[in-house]
Amino acid sequence: MTSLINLTSFKEFVKSGSAGGLLLMLFLIISLGIANSPLGSTFENFLAQEIGYHSEHLHLRYPVLLWINDGLMAIFFLLVGLEIKRELVEGELASFKQAILPVFAAIGGMLVPAGFYALVNSGTPTAPGWGIPMATDIAFAIGIISLLGSRVPVAVKLFLTALAIVDDLGAILVIALFYSTELHLEFLLYAGGIMVLLISFNLFGVKKLIFYLLPGALMWYFVHHSGVHATIAGVLTALTLPTTPDDTESPLEKLEHALTKPVNFFIMPLFALANTNIRLEPDMPEALAHPLGLGIVLGLFLGKPIGITLFSWLSLKLGLSSLPAGIRLRHLLGAGMLGGIGFTMSIFIALLSFDDIDLQAEAKFSILVASVLAGFIGFLFLQQLSKKQ
């Protein structure tokens, strides 16, 4: 009987919104532990090990780290793309009134942190990292707000989810437009041809997922070789999948359900394990006072809640949106604090911003500090808010 109860509790835990965020946190700690142990150099050598196939006409041999950051993360972005499209067709972003509040909030939550960073890093070698504090980590943010349970109104969770989805779309556009390398037109044309094919499948009512996923994998190869970051192929593939505005399970929703657990419980923890391996040095806290560290901490910890709350208030004052029932502007401030958890996406953009390993380590440490502060303060703020009410 006890084992049955334990199994039931475990299943409920796996299904809970907090499970992915908690697992991500666990692997973050494991990664830091490995990096600061005698296994650190061995783990780095493993991540640098090249695997795959290479011939005169086909190059698919890359380091393990690149397979994780460009390959597996393309699946993560595929899931993000599916969520974006579903929300646009039938969810929180389906109508103007529903969408405008989290859209305005997300815009503020991207512009103000980027402005904070740019102000501090203007004219320095770290100026290209302005996109780092723009991102919100969905898994961590939703995971932490889920820990509050019924003490937080459902509308706040929906607001934060919609905001994080719009935020991800913004981050995707930033990566595509500003963090891509030298472009190779012929590969872009090949990728464009596959995109046209996928759109045609949608228009002609093709429902089988295999007709989207196989060409999508080929598009990943061409996008990777084009100079545009390969993860964009995941989003583009997702946007072509058919869906419906009603409760009928569509191909898009089938794939979303199939990918949610592998992404949350394998791909994201693996990304954290591979990319958080920061060797902590005694002088690292001093890096928080450098323009890079200061810009990231100010952007995530202060810029996010200020931008999200200010732009939300602006949309309300302009009469473009209204607050959902049961919540006040201070709830959006709490959600904005949690929006400062930039972990996964911020680290991803940091890796694209700098080639220098020391700058990458400094950026990762700053993101880690800012995200922990944002999550802790946001949790306490919303908890105290629920007690007052």
Protein backbone atom coordinates (compact mmCIF):
# COMPACT_ATOMS: atom_id res chain seq x y z
CA MET A 1 0.00 0.00 0.00
CA THR A 2 2.83 2.39 0.94
CA SER A 3 4.63 1.79 -2.38
CA LEU A 4 1.36 2.44 -4.23
CA ILE A 5 0.90 5.74 -2.39
CA ASN A 6 4.51 6.71 -3.11
CA LEU A 7 4.06 5.89 -6.80
CA THR A 8 0.88 7.98 -6.96
CA SER A 9 2.63 10.89 -5.23
CA PHE A 10 5.53 10.63 -7.68
CA LYS A 11 3.18 10.69 -10.68
CA GLU A 12 1.46 13.77 -9.28
CA PHE A 13 4.88 15.38 -8.77
CA VAL A 14 5.93 14.65 -12.36
CA LYS A 15 2.69 16.16 -13.65
CA SER A 16 3.02 19.27 -11.49
CA GLY A 17 4.22 22.51 -13.03
CA SER A 18 7.02 22.82 -10.48
CA ALA A 19 8.73 19.50 -11.34
CA GLY A 20 10.60 20.78 -14.40
CA GLY A 21 11.90 23.83 -12.57
CA LEU A 22 13.00 21.80 -9.55
CA LEU A 23 14.82 19.27 -11.73
CA LEU A 24 16.52 22.10 -13.60
CA MET A 25 17.66 23.52 -10.25
CA LEU A 26 19.01 20.12 -9.19
CA PHE A 27 21.09 19.73 -12.37
CA LEU A 28 22.33 23.29 -12.00
CA ILE A 29 23.72 22.35 -8.56
CA ILE A 30 25.18 19.09 -9.93
CA SER A 31 26.88 20.98 -12.76
CA LEU A 32 28.43 23.47 -10.33
CA GLY A 33 29.56 20.55 -8.17
CA ILE A 34 31.26 18.80 -11.10
CA ALA A 35 32.94 22.01 -12.32
CA ASN A 36 34.45 22.62 -8.88
CA SER A 37 35.62 19.05 -8.32
CA PRO A 38 38.53 17.02 -9.74
CA LEU A 39 36.08 15.83 -12.43
CA GLY A 40 35.80 19.36 -13.89
CA SER A 41 38.49 19.05 -16.57
CA THR A 42 37.35 15.53 -17.50
CA PHE A 43 33.80 16.79 -18.00
CA GLU A 44 35.01 19.71 -20.15
CA ASN A 45 37.03 17.30 -22.30
CA PHE A 46 33.93 15.14 -22.74
CA LEU A 47 31.87 18.13 -23.86
CA ALA A 48 34.60 19.01 -26.39
CA GLN A 49 34.69 15.46 -27.79
CA GLU A 50 33.45 15.35 -31.41
CA ILE A 51 30.84 12.76 -32.36
CA GLY A 52 28.84 12.17 -35.52
CA TYR A 53 29.44 11.53 -39.22
CA HIS A 54 31.61 13.41 -41.66
CA SER A 55 32.12 12.92 -45.40
CA GLU A 56 32.90 15.04 -48.43
CA HIS A 57 29.22 15.95 -48.95
CA LEU A 58 27.78 15.69 -45.44
CA HIS A 59 29.19 17.20 -42.26
CA LEU A 60 27.46 16.06 -39.08
CA ARG A 61 30.44 15.70 -36.75
CA TYR A 62 30.37 18.21 -33.90
CA PRO A 63 31.44 18.51 -30.24
CA VAL A 64 29.03 17.10 -27.66
CA LEU A 65 28.38 20.63 -26.37
CA LEU A 66 27.34 21.82 -29.82
CA TRP A 67 24.98 18.84 -30.22
CA ILE A 68 23.32 19.91 -26.97
CA ASN A 69 23.21 23.67 -27.66
CA ASP A 70 22.35 23.51 -31.37
CA GLY A 71 20.74 20.07 -31.70
CA LEU A 72 18.75 19.26 -28.57
CA MET A 73 17.95 22.93 -27.98
CA ALA A 74 16.32 22.99 -31.43
CA ILE A 75 13.80 20.51 -29.97
CA PHE A 76 13.29 22.87 -27.02
CA PHE A 77 12.63 25.72 -29.45
CA LEU A 78 10.30 23.43 -31.41
CA LEU A 79 8.25 23.05 -28.23
CA VAL A 80 8.38 26.81 -27.60
CA GLY A 81 7.17 27.40 -31.16
CA LEU A 82 4.29 24.96 -30.64
CA GLU A 83 3.29 26.78 -27.44
CA ILE A 84 3.45 30.16 -29.19
CA LYS A 85 1.26 29.00 -32.08
CA ARG A 86 -1.26 27.29 -29.78
CA GLU A 87 -1.53 30.41 -27.63
CA LEU A 88 -2.03 32.55 -30.75
CA VAL A 89 -4.76 30.27 -32.12
CA GLU A 90 -6.69 29.22 -29.03
CA GLY A 91 -4.98 30.42 -25.85
CA GLU A 92 -4.13 33.54 -23.87
CA LEU A 93 -2.92 35.36 -27.00
CA ALA A 94 -5.86 34.43 -29.23
CA SER A 95 -7.68 37.77 -29.01
CA PHE A 96 -6.47 41.37 -28.84
CA LYS A 97 -7.89 41.99 -25.35
CA GLN A 98 -6.40 38.78 -24.01
CA ALA A 99 -3.01 39.28 -25.61
CA ILE A 100 -2.29 42.96 -25.18
CA LEU A 101 -1.52 42.98 -21.43
CA PRO A 102 1.13 40.19 -21.46
CA VAL A 103 2.42 41.44 -24.84
CA PHE A 104 2.94 44.97 -23.48
CA ALA A 105 4.44 43.51 -20.30
CA ALA A 106 6.85 41.31 -22.28
CA ILE A 107 7.95 44.23 -24.47
CA GLY A 108 8.71 46.28 -21.37
CA GLY A 109 10.42 43.26 -19.83
CA MET A 110 12.75 43.09 -22.83
CA LEU A 111 13.42 46.78 -23.58
CA VAL A 112 14.11 48.04 -20.04
CA PRO A 113 16.63 45.27 -19.09
CA ALA A 114 18.41 45.68 -22.43
CA GLY A 115 18.50 49.43 -21.78
CA PHE A 116 19.99 48.92 -18.30
CA TYR A 117 22.66 46.65 -19.73
CA ALA A 118 23.45 48.93 -22.68
CA LEU A 119 23.74 51.94 -20.36
CA VAL A 120 26.31 50.21 -18.14
CA ASN A 121 28.25 48.52 -20.97
CA SER A 122 28.22 51.28 -23.58
CA GLY A 123 31.57 51.54 -25.35
CA THR A 124 33.02 48.42 -23.69
CA PRO A 125 34.01 45.06 -25.26
CA THR A 126 30.99 43.48 -23.51
CA ALA A 127 28.45 45.77 -25.22
CA PRO A 128 27.26 42.95 -27.59
CA GLY A 129 25.72 41.12 -24.61
CA TRP A 130 22.73 43.50 -24.41
CA GLY A 131 20.36 40.61 -25.26
CA ILE A 132 21.36 38.55 -22.18
CA PRO A 133 19.00 40.14 -19.59
CA MET A 134 16.05 40.24 -22.02
CA ALA A 135 15.10 36.59 -21.55
CA THR A 136 12.83 34.87 -19.03
CA ASP A 137 13.26 31.18 -18.21
CA ILE A 138 9.78 29.63 -18.51
CA ALA A 139 10.61 26.43 -16.65
CA PHE A 140 12.11 28.15 -13.60
CA ALA A 141 9.59 31.01 -13.45
CA ILE A 142 6.54 28.74 -13.74
CA GLY A 143 8.16 26.18 -11.44
CA ILE A 144 8.62 28.73 -8.64
CA ILE A 145 5.18 30.29 -8.96
CA SER A 146 3.69 26.77 -8.91
CA LEU A 147 5.34 26.20 -5.52
CA LEU A 148 2.99 28.87 -4.15
CA GLY A 149 -0.01 26.75 -5.18
CA SER A 150 -3.45 28.26 -4.57
CA ARG A 151 -1.94 31.20 -2.65
CA VAL A 152 -1.45 32.92 -6.01
CA PRO A 153 -4.51 33.59 -8.23
CA VAL A 154 -4.66 31.44 -11.36
CA ALA A 155 -4.81 34.62 -13.45
CA VAL A 156 -1.29 35.57 -12.26
CA LYS A 157 0.06 32.20 -13.42
CA LEU A 158 -1.66 32.61 -16.80
CA PHE A 159 -0.26 36.13 -17.11
CA LEU A 160 3.29 34.96 -16.33
CA THR A 161 2.97 32.03 -18.75
CA ALA A 162 1.71 34.24 -21.60
CA LEU A 163 4.37 36.85 -20.82
CA ALA A 164 7.13 34.21 -20.86
CA ILE A 165 5.89 32.86 -24.21
CA VAL A 166 5.91 36.33 -25.80
CA ASP A 167 9.31 36.90 -24.17
CA ASP A 168 10.60 33.70 -25.80
CA LEU A 169 9.33 34.87 -29.18
CA GLY A 170 11.22 38.13 -28.67
CA ALA A 171 14.37 36.24 -27.68
CA ILE A 172 14.06 34.07 -30.80
CA LEU A 173 13.83 37.16 -33.01
CA VAL A 174 16.83 38.73 -31.23
CA ILE A 175 18.90 35.58 -31.78
CA ALA A 176 17.91 35.37 -35.44
CA LEU A 177 18.51 39.05 -36.20
CA PHE A 178 21.49 39.97 -34.00
CA TYR A 179 23.33 36.82 -32.92
CA SER A 180 23.71 34.94 -36.17
CA THR A 181 27.11 34.58 -37.84
CA GLU A 182 28.12 35.18 -41.46
CA LEU A 183 25.23 34.20 -43.72
CA HIS A 184 25.49 31.65 -46.56
CA LEU A 185 22.70 32.42 -49.01
CA GLU A 186 22.56 29.03 -50.75
CA PHE A 187 21.80 27.18 -47.48
CA LEU A 188 19.20 29.81 -46.58
CA LEU A 189 17.52 29.20 -49.93
CA TYR A 190 17.46 25.44 -49.31
CA ALA A 191 15.93 26.06 -45.87
CA GLY A 192 13.41 28.47 -47.41
CA GLY A 193 12.39 25.83 -49.95
CA ILE A 194 11.70 23.34 -47.16
CA MET A 195 9.70 25.98 -45.28
CA VAL A 196 7.53 26.49 -48.39
CA LEU A 197 7.04 22.71 -48.57
CA LEU A 198 5.93 22.55 -44.91
CA ILE A 199 3.49 25.44 -45.42
CA SER A 200 2.09 23.60 -48.47
CA PHE A 201 1.55 20.47 -46.37
CA ASN A 202 -0.43 22.59 -43.91
CA LEU A 203 -2.52 24.26 -46.62
CA PHE A 204 -3.34 20.89 -48.21
CA GLY A 205 -4.45 19.45 -44.88
CA VAL A 206 -1.61 16.97 -44.30
CA LYS A 207 -2.00 15.73 -40.71
CA LYS A 208 0.76 13.14 -40.22
CA LEU A 209 3.59 14.52 -38.11
CA ILE A 210 6.27 12.61 -40.02
CA PHE A 211 5.70 14.87 -43.06
CA TYR A 212 6.66 17.87 -40.92
CA LEU A 213 9.38 16.43 -38.69
CA LEU A 214 11.60 14.83 -41.35
CA PRO A 215 11.75 17.97 -43.54
CA GLY A 216 12.14 19.98 -40.32
CA ALA A 217 15.25 17.96 -39.43
CA LEU A 218 16.64 18.62 -42.91
CA MET A 219 15.85 22.32 -42.51
CA TRP A 220 17.83 22.26 -39.23
CA TYR A 221 20.89 21.05 -41.17
CA PHE A 222 20.60 23.80 -43.79
CA VAL A 223 19.89 26.54 -41.22
CA HIS A 224 22.90 25.39 -39.18
CA HIS A 225 25.17 25.73 -42.21
CA SER A 226 23.60 29.02 -43.29
CA GLY A 227 25.02 31.02 -40.37
CA VAL A 228 21.61 31.60 -38.72
CA HIS A 229 21.42 29.84 -35.37
CA ALA A 230 20.11 26.32 -35.96
CA THR A 231 17.53 26.45 -33.15
CA ILE A 232 15.43 28.81 -35.31
CA ALA A 233 14.59 25.79 -37.48
CA GLY A 234 12.65 24.32 -34.54
CA VAL A 235 10.45 27.41 -34.26
CA LEU A 236 9.84 27.63 -38.02
CA THR A 237 8.85 23.95 -38.16
CA ALA A 238 6.46 24.42 -35.23
CA LEU A 239 4.67 27.35 -36.87
CA THR A 240 3.73 25.21 -39.88
CA LEU A 241 2.03 22.42 -37.91
CA PRO A 242 -1.77 22.35 -38.22
CA THR A 243 -3.93 23.07 -35.19
CA THR A 244 -7.56 23.89 -34.40
CA PRO A 245 -9.18 26.60 -32.25
CA ASP A 246 -11.46 24.07 -30.51
CA ASP A 247 -10.90 21.12 -28.13
CA THR A 248 -10.14 18.66 -30.94
CA GLU A 249 -6.63 17.29 -30.50
CA SER A 250 -4.61 18.54 -33.46
CA PRO A 251 -1.22 17.36 -34.77
CA LEU A 252 0.35 20.38 -33.07
CA GLU A 253 -1.13 19.44 -29.68
CA LYS A 254 -0.16 15.77 -30.10
CA LEU A 255 3.46 16.76 -30.70
CA GLU A 256 3.38 19.29 -27.84
CA HIS A 257 2.15 16.61 -25.43
CA ALA A 258 4.80 14.19 -26.71
CA LEU A 259 7.64 16.69 -26.28
CA THR A 260 6.74 18.32 -22.97
CA LYS A 261 8.20 15.66 -20.67
CA PRO A 262 11.34 14.89 -22.73
CA VAL A 263 12.11 18.62 -22.91
CA ASN A 264 11.37 19.38 -19.25
CA PHE A 265 12.94 16.26 -17.78
CA PHE A 266 15.83 15.55 -20.17
CA ILE A 267 16.78 18.33 -22.60
CA MET A 268 16.58 21.29 -20.21
CA PRO A 269 18.39 19.55 -17.32
CA LEU A 270 21.05 18.36 -19.79
CA PHE A 271 21.47 21.92 -21.07
CA ALA A 272 21.88 23.12 -17.45
CA LEU A 273 24.38 20.35 -16.74
CA ALA A 274 26.47 21.19 -19.82
CA ASN A 275 26.36 24.97 -19.58
CA THR A 276 26.37 25.87 -15.89
CA ASN A 277 29.73 24.24 -15.24
CA ILE A 278 31.30 27.39 -13.83
CA ARG A 279 34.53 26.99 -11.89
CA LEU A 280 33.95 29.31 -8.94
CA GLU A 281 36.95 31.50 -8.18
CA PRO A 282 37.49 33.69 -5.07
CA ASP A 283 37.44 36.85 -7.19
CA MET A 284 34.17 36.02 -8.99
CA PRO A 285 31.94 38.14 -6.71
CA GLU A 286 34.08 41.10 -7.77
CA ALA A 287 32.95 40.44 -11.35
CA LEU A 288 29.46 41.54 -10.33
CA ALA A 289 30.84 45.08 -10.14
CA HIS A 290 32.29 44.89 -13.67
CA PRO A 291 30.13 46.36 -16.47
CA LEU A 292 29.19 42.87 -17.72
CA GLY A 293 28.10 41.51 -14.34
CA LEU A 294 26.48 44.76 -13.23
CA GLY A 295 24.54 45.08 -16.50
CA ILE A 296 23.19 41.52 -16.23
CA VAL A 297 22.22 41.81 -12.54
CA LEU A 298 20.61 45.23 -12.96
CA GLY A 299 18.85 44.11 -16.13
CA LEU A 300 17.38 40.89 -14.73
CA PHE A 301 16.82 41.81 -11.08
CA LEU A 302 15.62 45.41 -11.54
CA GLY A 303 14.98 45.93 -15.25
CA LYS A 304 12.59 43.00 -15.61
CA PRO A 305 10.09 43.92 -12.84
CA ILE A 306 10.31 47.63 -13.67
CA GLY A 307 9.76 47.06 -17.39
CA ILE A 308 6.97 44.50 -16.95
CA THR A 309 5.08 46.57 -14.35
CA LEU A 310 5.58 49.92 -16.11
CA PHE A 311 4.42 48.70 -19.51
CA SER A 312 1.49 46.81 -17.94
CA TRP A 313 0.42 50.01 -16.19
CA LEU A 314 0.80 51.91 -19.47
CA SER A 315 -1.47 49.49 -21.36
CA LEU A 316 -4.06 49.79 -18.57
CA LYS A 317 -3.90 53.60 -18.55
CA LEU A 318 -4.27 53.73 -22.33
CA GLY A 319 -7.39 51.56 -22.03
CA LEU A 320 -5.90 48.89 -24.27
CA SER A 321 -6.32 46.16 -21.67
CA SER A 322 -7.88 45.44 -18.30
CA LEU A 323 -6.68 43.52 -15.28
CA PRO A 324 -8.01 39.95 -15.06
CA ALA A 325 -10.50 39.38 -12.24
CA GLY A 326 -8.98 38.82 -8.82
CA ILE A 327 -5.57 40.40 -9.38
CA ARG A 328 -4.04 43.84 -8.92
CA LEU A 329 -1.04 45.63 -10.36
CA ARG A 330 1.09 44.48 -7.40
CA HIS A 331 0.51 40.87 -8.54
CA LEU A 332 2.02 41.81 -11.89
CA LEU A 333 5.00 43.31 -10.04
CA GLY A 334 5.50 39.94 -8.33
CA ALA A 335 5.24 38.15 -11.66
CA GLY A 336 7.73 40.66 -13.07
CA MET A 337 10.20 39.76 -10.32
CA LEU A 338 9.95 36.09 -11.32
CA GLY A 339 10.39 37.24 -14.93
CA GLY A 340 13.93 38.19 -13.86
CA ILE A 341 14.83 34.49 -13.76
CA GLY A 342 16.67 34.44 -17.06
CA PHE A 343 18.70 31.30 -16.52
CA THR A 344 18.40 29.04 -19.61
CA MET A 345 17.74 31.59 -22.33
CA SER A 346 20.10 34.17 -20.83
CA ILE A 347 22.98 31.67 -20.72
CA PHE A 348 22.12 30.65 -24.28
CA ILE A 349 22.38 34.26 -25.50
CA ALA A 350 25.56 34.79 -23.43
CA LEU A 351 27.22 31.89 -25.25
CA LEU A 352 26.27 33.50 -28.57
CA SER A 353 27.45 36.94 -27.42
CA PHE A 354 31.02 36.10 -26.44
CA ASP A 355 33.72 33.77 -27.73
CA ASP A 356 35.96 34.50 -24.75
CA ILE A 357 35.63 31.70 -22.16
CA ASP A 358 36.33 34.07 -19.26
CA LEU A 359 33.55 36.42 -20.36
CA GLN A 360 31.20 33.45 -20.75
CA ALA A 361 32.01 32.30 -17.20
CA GLU A 362 31.53 35.83 -15.82
CA ALA A 363 28.21 36.13 -17.64
CA LYS A 364 27.02 32.72 -16.39
CA PHE A 365 27.91 33.57 -12.79
CA SER A 366 26.11 36.92 -13.03
CA ILE A 367 23.03 35.26 -14.58
CA LEU A 368 23.05 32.67 -11.80
CA VAL A 369 23.23 35.32 -9.05
CA ALA A 370 20.57 37.55 -10.66
CA SER A 371 18.21 34.62 -11.32
CA VAL A 372 18.51 33.28 -7.73
CA LEU A 373 17.85 36.78 -6.34
CA ALA A 374 14.88 37.34 -8.67
CA GLY A 375 13.36 33.94 -7.87
CA PHE A 376 13.84 34.27 -4.10
CA ILE A 377 12.56 37.86 -3.80
CA GLY A 378 9.68 37.20 -6.22
CA PHE A 379 8.61 34.13 -4.26
CA LEU A 380 8.70 36.01 -0.92
CA PHE A 381 6.86 39.02 -2.38
CA LEU A 382 3.98 36.94 -3.78
CA GLN A 383 3.87 34.86 -0.59
CA GLN A 384 3.56 37.98 1.59
CA LEU A 385 0.98 39.41 -0.80
CA SER A 386 -1.19 36.30 -0.38
CA LYS A 387 -0.94 36.58 3.43
CA LYS A 388 -2.08 40.22 3.38
CA GLN A 389 -5.07 39.33 1.23
